[in-house]
Amino acid sequence: MSYPKYHAKPHQRPTPGRTSPVVYVLLITVPAVIAIVALRPR
């Protein structure tokens, strides 16, 4: 039994729309919020 080439990896990225943007937003916003709080005049 030989599978076609387009069936080699059917589920390489199951949910790319939910995982990547959230991670990137957190990586951008968290350091920004920490920097704003740290640099805010007291």
PDB file of N, CA and C in Angstrom:
ATOM      1  N   MET A   1       0.840  -1.203   0.000  1.00  0.00           N
ATOM      2  CA  MET A   1       0.000   0.000   0.000  1.00  0.00           C
ATOM      3  C   MET A   1       0.874   1.252   0.000  1.00  0.00           C
ATOM      4  N   SER A   2       0.676   2.084  -0.993  1.00  0.00           N
ATOM      5  CA  SER A   2       1.444   3.327  -1.059  1.00  0.00           C
ATOM      6  C   SER A   2       0.488   4.516  -1.029  1.00  0.00           C
ATOM      7  N   TYR A   3       0.727   5.415  -0.078  1.00  0.00           N
ATOM      8  CA  TYR A   3      -0.139   6.588   0.051  1.00  0.00           C
ATOM      9  C   TYR A   3       0.299   7.673  -0.921  1.00  0.00           C
ATOM     10  N   PRO A   4      -0.626   8.495  -1.378  1.00  0.00           N
ATOM     11  CA  PRO A   4      -0.253   9.646  -2.225  1.00  0.00           C
ATOM     12  C   PRO A   4       0.587  10.642  -1.431  1.00  0.00           C
ATOM     13  N   LYS A   5       1.271  11.532  -2.152  1.00  0.00           N
ATOM     14  CA  LYS A   5       2.176  12.474  -1.489  1.00  0.00           C
ATOM     15  C   LYS A   5       1.413  13.489  -0.639  1.00  0.00           C
ATOM     16  N   TYR A   6       0.206  13.843  -1.070  1.00  0.00           N
ATOM     17  CA  TYR A   6      -0.519  14.861  -0.314  1.00  0.00           C
ATOM     18  C   TYR A   6      -1.199  14.274   0.916  1.00  0.00           C
ATOM     19  N   HIS A   7      -1.084  12.953   1.127  1.00  0.00           N
ATOM     20  CA  HIS A   7      -1.619  12.342   2.336  1.00  0.00           C
ATOM     21  C   HIS A   7      -0.504  11.930   3.296  1.00  0.00           C
ATOM     22  N   ALA A   8       0.703  12.427   3.040  1.00  0.00           N
ATOM     23  CA  ALA A   8       1.825  12.049   3.891  1.00  0.00           C
ATOM     24  C   ALA A   8       1.686  12.684   5.277  1.00  0.00           C
ATOM     25  N   LYS A   9       1.338  13.986   5.320  1.00  0.00           N
ATOM     26  CA  LYS A   9       1.169  14.677   6.593  1.00  0.00           C
ATOM     27  C   LYS A   9      -0.158  15.433   6.572  1.00  0.00           C
ATOM     28  N   PRO A  10      -1.248  14.753   6.895  1.00  0.00           N
ATOM     29  CA  PRO A  10      -2.562  15.394   6.810  1.00  0.00           C
ATOM     30  C   PRO A  10      -2.802  16.385   7.944  1.00  0.00           C
ATOM     31  N   HIS A  11      -2.231  16.105   9.130  1.00  0.00           N
ATOM     32  CA  HIS A  11      -2.509  16.974  10.277  1.00  0.00           C
ATOM     33  C   HIS A  11      -1.211  17.545  10.828  1.00  0.00           C
ATOM     34  N   GLN A  12      -0.512  18.304   9.997  1.00  0.00           N
ATOM     35  CA  GLN A  12       0.726  18.918  10.469  1.00  0.00           C
ATOM     36  C   GLN A  12       0.410  20.139  11.338  1.00  0.00           C
ATOM     37  N   ARG A  13      -0.595  20.925  10.910  1.00  0.00           N
ATOM     38  CA  ARG A  13      -1.027  22.084  11.692  1.00  0.00           C
ATOM     39  C   ARG A  13      -2.536  22.004  11.891  1.00  0.00           C
ATOM     40  N   PRO A  14      -2.985  21.419  13.011  1.00  0.00           N
ATOM     41  CA  PRO A  14      -4.418  21.259  13.223  1.00  0.00           C
ATOM     42  C   PRO A  14      -5.124  22.589  13.470  1.00  0.00           C
ATOM     43  N   THR A  15      -4.568  23.446  14.333  1.00  0.00           N
ATOM     44  CA  THR A  15      -5.196  24.735  14.619  1.00  0.00           C
ATOM     45  C   THR A  15      -4.147  25.840  14.603  1.00  0.00           C
ATOM     46  N   PRO A  16      -3.696  26.274  13.424  1.00  0.00           N
ATOM     47  CA  PRO A  16      -2.683  27.327  13.370  1.00  0.00           C
ATOM     48  C   PRO A  16      -3.271  28.702  13.688  1.00  0.00           C
ATOM     49  N   GLY A  17      -4.558  28.871  13.483  1.00  0.00           N
ATOM     50  CA  GLY A  17      -5.169  30.191  13.682  1.00  0.00           C
ATOM     51  C   GLY A  17      -5.405  30.507  15.147  1.00  0.00           C
ATOM     52  N   ARG A  18      -5.436  29.475  15.993  1.00  0.00           N
ATOM     53  CA  ARG A  18      -5.723  29.730  17.413  1.00  0.00           C
ATOM     54  C   ARG A  18      -4.461  29.786  18.250  1.00  0.00           C
ATOM     55  N   THR A  19      -3.425  29.060  17.850  1.00  0.00           N
ATOM     56  CA  THR A  19      -2.243  28.955  18.697  1.00  0.00           C
ATOM     57  C   THR A  19      -1.265  30.101  18.463  1.00  0.00           C
ATOM     58  N   SER A  20      -0.861  30.317  17.216  1.00  0.00           N
ATOM     59  CA  SER A  20       0.216  31.264  16.942  1.00  0.00           C
ATOM     60  C   SER A  20      -0.105  32.710  17.326  1.00  0.00           C
ATOM     61  N   PRO A  21      -1.240  33.282  16.903  1.00  0.00           N
ATOM     62  CA  PRO A  21      -1.499  34.698  17.215  1.00  0.00           C
ATOM     63  C   PRO A  21      -1.538  34.957  18.713  1.00  0.00           C
ATOM     64  N   VAL A  22      -2.105  34.047  19.481  1.00  0.00           N
ATOM     65  CA  VAL A  22      -2.186  34.247  20.934  1.00  0.00           C
ATOM     66  C   VAL A  22      -0.799  34.280  21.545  1.00  0.00           C
ATOM     67  N   VAL A  23       0.063  33.373  21.104  1.00  0.00           N
ATOM     68  CA  VAL A  23       1.420  33.328  21.656  1.00  0.00           C
ATOM     69  C   VAL A  23       2.179  34.598  21.304  1.00  0.00           C
ATOM     70  N   TYR A  24       2.051  35.034  20.045  1.00  0.00           N
ATOM     71  CA  TYR A  24       2.766  36.242  19.644  1.00  0.00           C
ATOM     72  C   TYR A  24       2.237  37.473  20.371  1.00  0.00           C
ATOM     73  N   VAL A  25       0.934  37.561  20.557  1.00  0.00           N
ATOM     74  CA  VAL A  25       0.363  38.708  21.276  1.00  0.00           C
ATOM     75  C   VAL A  25       0.850  38.724  22.715  1.00  0.00           C
ATOM     76  N   LEU A  26       0.887  37.569  23.358  1.00  0.00           N
ATOM     77  CA  LEU A  26       1.373  37.519  24.738  1.00  0.00           C
ATOM     78  C   LEU A  26       2.848  37.879  24.808  1.00  0.00           C
ATOM     79  N   LEU A  27       3.638  37.406  23.839  1.00  0.00           N
ATOM     80  CA  LEU A  27       5.071  37.711  23.856  1.00  0.00           C
ATOM     81  C   LEU A  27       5.326  39.198  23.634  1.00  0.00           C
ATOM     82  N   ILE A  28       4.392  39.883  22.947  1.00  0.00           N
ATOM     83  CA  ILE A  28       4.583  41.307  22.687  1.00  0.00           C
ATOM     84  C   ILE A  28       4.017  42.149  23.825  1.00  0.00           C
ATOM     85  N   THR A  29       2.852  41.777  24.337  1.00  0.00           N
ATOM     86  CA  THR A  29       2.182  42.634  25.317  1.00  0.00           C
ATOM     87  C   THR A  29       2.774  42.509  26.713  1.00  0.00           C
ATOM     88  N   VAL A  30       3.156  41.295  27.107  1.00  0.00           N
ATOM     89  CA  VAL A  30       3.653  41.108  28.484  1.00  0.00           C
ATOM     90  C   VAL A  30       4.909  41.926  28.758  1.00  0.00           C
ATOM     91  N   PRO A  31       5.961  41.879  27.912  1.00  0.00           N
ATOM     92  CA  PRO A  31       7.134  42.725  28.178  1.00  0.00           C
ATOM     93  C   PRO A  31       6.810  44.212  28.081  1.00  0.00           C
ATOM     94  N   ALA A  32       5.858  44.568  27.213  1.00  0.00           N
ATOM     95  CA  ALA A  32       5.494  45.976  27.087  1.00  0.00           C
ATOM     96  C   ALA A  32       4.835  46.477  28.367  1.00  0.00           C
ATOM     97  N   VAL A  33       3.922  45.697  28.920  1.00  0.00           N
ATOM     98  CA  VAL A  33       3.259  46.101  30.169  1.00  0.00           C
ATOM     99  C   VAL A  33       4.262  46.181  31.312  1.00  0.00           C
ATOM    100  N   ILE A  34       5.177  45.218  31.374  1.00  0.00           N
ATOM    101  CA  ILE A  34       6.190  45.240  32.440  1.00  0.00           C
ATOM    102  C   ILE A  34       7.085  46.476  32.291  1.00  0.00           C
ATOM    103  N   ALA A  35       7.459  46.810  31.052  1.00  0.00           N
ATOM    104  CA  ALA A  35       8.307  47.978  30.833  1.00  0.00           C
ATOM    105  C   ALA A  35       7.567  49.269  31.191  1.00  0.00           C
ATOM    106  N   ILE A  36       6.294  49.358  30.853  1.00  0.00           N
ATOM    107  CA  ILE A  36       5.519  50.570  31.180  1.00  0.00           C
ATOM    108  C   ILE A  36       5.402  50.725  32.692  1.00  0.00           C
ATOM    109  N   VAL A  37       5.122  49.622  33.391  1.00  0.00           N
ATOM    110  CA  VAL A  37       5.000  49.700  34.853  1.00  0.00           C
ATOM    111  C   VAL A  37       6.342  50.032  35.487  1.00  0.00           C
ATOM    112  N   ALA A  38       7.426  49.480  34.939  1.00  0.00           N
ATOM    113  CA  ALA A  38       8.739  49.718  35.533  1.00  0.00           C
ATOM    114  C   ALA A  38       9.230  51.132  35.267  1.00  0.00           C
ATOM    115  N   LEU A  39       8.908  51.685  34.090  1.00  0.00           N
ATOM    116  CA  LEU A  39       9.405  53.014  33.722  1.00  0.00           C
ATOM    117  C   LEU A  39       8.453  54.135  34.138  1.00  0.00           C
ATOM    118  N   ARG A  40       7.311  53.769  34.701  1.00  0.00           N
ATOM    119  CA  ARG A  40       6.339  54.793  35.100  1.00  0.00           C
ATOM    120  C   ARG A  40       6.874  55.593  36.298  1.00  0.00           C
ATOM    121  N   PRO A  41       6.791  56.901  36.229  1.00  0.00           N
ATOM    122  CA  PRO A  41       7.291  57.727  37.343  1.00  0.00           C
ATOM    123  C   PRO A  41       6.456  57.502  38.611  1.00  0.00           C
ATOM    124  N   ARG A  42       7.139  57.442  39.724  1.00  0.00           N
ATOM    125  CA  ARG A  42       6.453  57.157  40.967  1.00  0.00           C
ATOM    126  C   ARG A  42       6.346  58.391  41.843  1.00  0.00           C
TER     127      ARG A  42
END
